[in-house]
Amino acid sequence: MSGGGHDPFAALDLPPAVKVQTLKLLARISQAASADELWRASDRAAGFVLGLETVEALDAACVKALYGVFDGAATARRVEQAQ
């Protein structure tokens, strides 16, 4: 994640435990050393959000935003790996 102090979660009201896990998952995505590692990290992140969605821990807008954050991070990592 880049952005010089920009918090992608500032607009989201995530419970502390959810934010901590989200940051850990984002770190795994951004540090993936191979395409397979990236796929596994992205899949795990999507499963995490699906779990939150399933138990209705977050509202629909927050769930959609989290999917977007993880998708964006995975896309950025794929671009980095391709260079």
C-alpha atoms as a PDB file:
ATOM      1  CA  MET A   1       0.000   0.000   0.000  1.00  0.00           C
ATOM      2  CA  SER A   2       1.253   3.422  -0.821  1.00  0.00           C
ATOM      3  CA  GLY A   3      -0.096   6.883  -0.454  1.00  0.00           C
ATOM      4  CA  GLY A   4       2.057   8.638   2.099  1.00  0.00           C
ATOM      5  CA  GLY A   5      -0.161   8.213   5.141  1.00  0.00           C
ATOM      6  CA  HIS A   6      -3.414   7.842   3.242  1.00  0.00           C
ATOM      7  CA  ASP A   7      -5.609   5.407   5.169  1.00  0.00           C
ATOM      8  CA  PRO A   8      -7.812   3.464   2.728  1.00  0.00           C
ATOM      9  CA  PHE A   9     -10.039   2.584   5.688  1.00  0.00           C
ATOM     10  CA  ALA A  10     -10.667   6.141   6.887  1.00  0.00           C
ATOM     11  CA  ALA A  11     -14.085   6.180   5.217  1.00  0.00           C
ATOM     12  CA  LEU A  12     -14.920   2.705   6.540  1.00  0.00           C
ATOM     13  CA  ASP A  13     -15.988   2.127  10.107  1.00  0.00           C
ATOM     14  CA  LEU A  14     -14.282  -1.231  10.600  1.00  0.00           C
ATOM     15  CA  PRO A  15     -14.215  -2.907  13.992  1.00  0.00           C
ATOM     16  CA  PRO A  16     -10.597  -2.965  15.267  1.00  0.00           C
ATOM     17  CA  ALA A  17     -10.190  -6.752  14.894  1.00  0.00           C
ATOM     18  CA  VAL A  18     -11.483  -6.624  11.316  1.00  0.00           C
ATOM     19  CA  LYS A  19      -9.117  -3.763  10.454  1.00  0.00           C
ATOM     20  CA  VAL A  20      -6.136  -5.646  11.908  1.00  0.00           C
ATOM     21  CA  GLN A  21      -6.946  -8.768   9.888  1.00  0.00           C
ATOM     22  CA  THR A  22      -7.572  -6.693   6.759  1.00  0.00           C
ATOM     23  CA  LEU A  23      -4.133  -5.087   7.082  1.00  0.00           C
ATOM     24  CA  LYS A  24      -2.519  -8.521   7.532  1.00  0.00           C
ATOM     25  CA  LEU A  25      -4.252  -9.818   4.402  1.00  0.00           C
ATOM     26  CA  LEU A  26      -3.213  -6.744   2.426  1.00  0.00           C
ATOM     27  CA  ALA A  27       0.383  -7.270   3.545  1.00  0.00           C
ATOM     28  CA  ARG A  28       0.268 -10.872   2.294  1.00  0.00           C
ATOM     29  CA  ILE A  29      -1.030  -9.671  -1.067  1.00  0.00           C
ATOM     30  CA  SER A  30       1.552  -6.898  -1.410  1.00  0.00           C
ATOM     31  CA  GLN A  31       4.421  -9.218  -0.426  1.00  0.00           C
ATOM     32  CA  ALA A  32       3.428 -12.194  -2.596  1.00  0.00           C
ATOM     33  CA  ALA A  33       6.590 -13.472  -4.263  1.00  0.00           C
ATOM     34  CA  SER A  34       4.899 -15.424  -7.056  1.00  0.00           C
ATOM     35  CA  ALA A  35       1.669 -15.562  -9.022  1.00  0.00           C
ATOM     36  CA  ASP A  36       0.604 -18.630  -7.015  1.00  0.00           C
ATOM     37  CA  GLU A  37       1.276 -16.864  -3.717  1.00  0.00           C
ATOM     38  CA  LEU A  38      -0.682 -13.857  -4.938  1.00  0.00           C
ATOM     39  CA  TRP A  39      -3.601 -16.057  -5.965  1.00  0.00           C
ATOM     40  CA  ARG A  40      -3.669 -17.734  -2.548  1.00  0.00           C
ATOM     41  CA  ALA A  41      -3.457 -14.420  -0.690  1.00  0.00           C
ATOM     42  CA  SER A  42      -6.206 -12.892  -2.837  1.00  0.00           C
ATOM     43  CA  ASP A  43      -8.393 -15.946  -2.428  1.00  0.00           C
ATOM     44  CA  ARG A  44      -7.946 -15.858   1.331  1.00  0.00           C
ATOM     45  CA  ALA A  45      -8.839 -12.148   1.425  1.00  0.00           C
ATOM     46  CA  ALA A  46     -11.975 -12.747  -0.644  1.00  0.00           C
ATOM     47  CA  GLY A  47     -12.953 -15.575   1.705  1.00  0.00           C
ATOM     48  CA  PHE A  48     -12.468 -13.284   4.686  1.00  0.00           C
ATOM     49  CA  VAL A  49     -14.806 -10.681   3.183  1.00  0.00           C
ATOM     50  CA  LEU A  50     -17.311 -13.380   2.217  1.00  0.00           C
ATOM     51  CA  GLY A  51     -17.305 -14.551   5.829  1.00  0.00           C
ATOM     52  CA  LEU A  52     -17.967 -11.029   7.078  1.00  0.00           C
ATOM     53  CA  GLU A  53     -20.734 -10.668   4.511  1.00  0.00           C
ATOM     54  CA  THR A  54     -22.252 -14.025   5.442  1.00  0.00           C
ATOM     55  CA  VAL A  55     -22.515 -13.229   9.140  1.00  0.00           C
ATOM     56  CA  GLU A  56     -23.652  -9.684   8.328  1.00  0.00           C
ATOM     57  CA  ALA A  57     -20.811  -8.199  10.373  1.00  0.00           C
ATOM     58  CA  LEU A  58     -20.591  -5.190   8.032  1.00  0.00           C
ATOM     59  CA  ASP A  59     -23.058  -3.275   5.911  1.00  0.00           C
ATOM     60  CA  ALA A  60     -23.238  -3.909   2.156  1.00  0.00           C
ATOM     61  CA  ALA A  61     -21.325  -0.736   1.234  1.00  0.00           C
ATOM     62  CA  CYS A  62     -18.457  -1.663   3.544  1.00  0.00           C
ATOM     63  CA  VAL A  63     -18.331  -5.214   2.163  1.00  0.00           C
ATOM     64  CA  LYS A  64     -18.219  -3.873  -1.390  1.00  0.00           C
ATOM     65  CA  ALA A  65     -15.471  -1.420  -0.431  1.00  0.00           C
ATOM     66  CA  LEU A  66     -13.379  -4.186   1.167  1.00  0.00           C
ATOM     67  CA  TYR A  67     -13.695  -6.342  -1.948  1.00  0.00           C
ATOM     68  CA  GLY A  68     -12.512  -3.312  -3.923  1.00  0.00           C
ATOM     69  CA  VAL A  69      -9.539  -2.685  -1.622  1.00  0.00           C
ATOM     70  CA  PHE A  70      -8.382  -6.300  -1.941  1.00  0.00           C
ATOM     71  CA  ASP A  71      -8.978  -6.408  -5.706  1.00  0.00           C
ATOM     72  CA  GLY A  72      -7.041  -3.176  -6.147  1.00  0.00           C
ATOM     73  CA  ALA A  73      -4.130  -4.460  -4.069  1.00  0.00           C
ATOM     74  CA  ALA A  74      -4.000  -7.726  -6.017  1.00  0.00           C
ATOM     75  CA  THR A  75      -4.116  -5.908  -9.348  1.00  0.00           C
ATOM     76  CA  ALA A  76      -1.306  -3.582  -8.257  1.00  0.00           C
ATOM     77  CA  ARG A  77       0.813  -6.575  -7.187  1.00  0.00           C
ATOM     78  CA  ARG A  78       0.172  -8.367 -10.498  1.00  0.00           C
ATOM     79  CA  VAL A  79       1.384  -5.264 -12.352  1.00  0.00           C
ATOM     80  CA  GLU A  80       4.501  -5.085 -10.170  1.00  0.00           C
ATOM     81  CA  GLN A  81       5.246  -8.764 -10.789  1.00  0.00           C
ATOM     82  CA  ALA A  82       4.850  -8.334 -14.544  1.00  0.00           C
ATOM     83  CA  GLN A  83       7.533  -5.640 -14.715  1.00  0.00           C
END
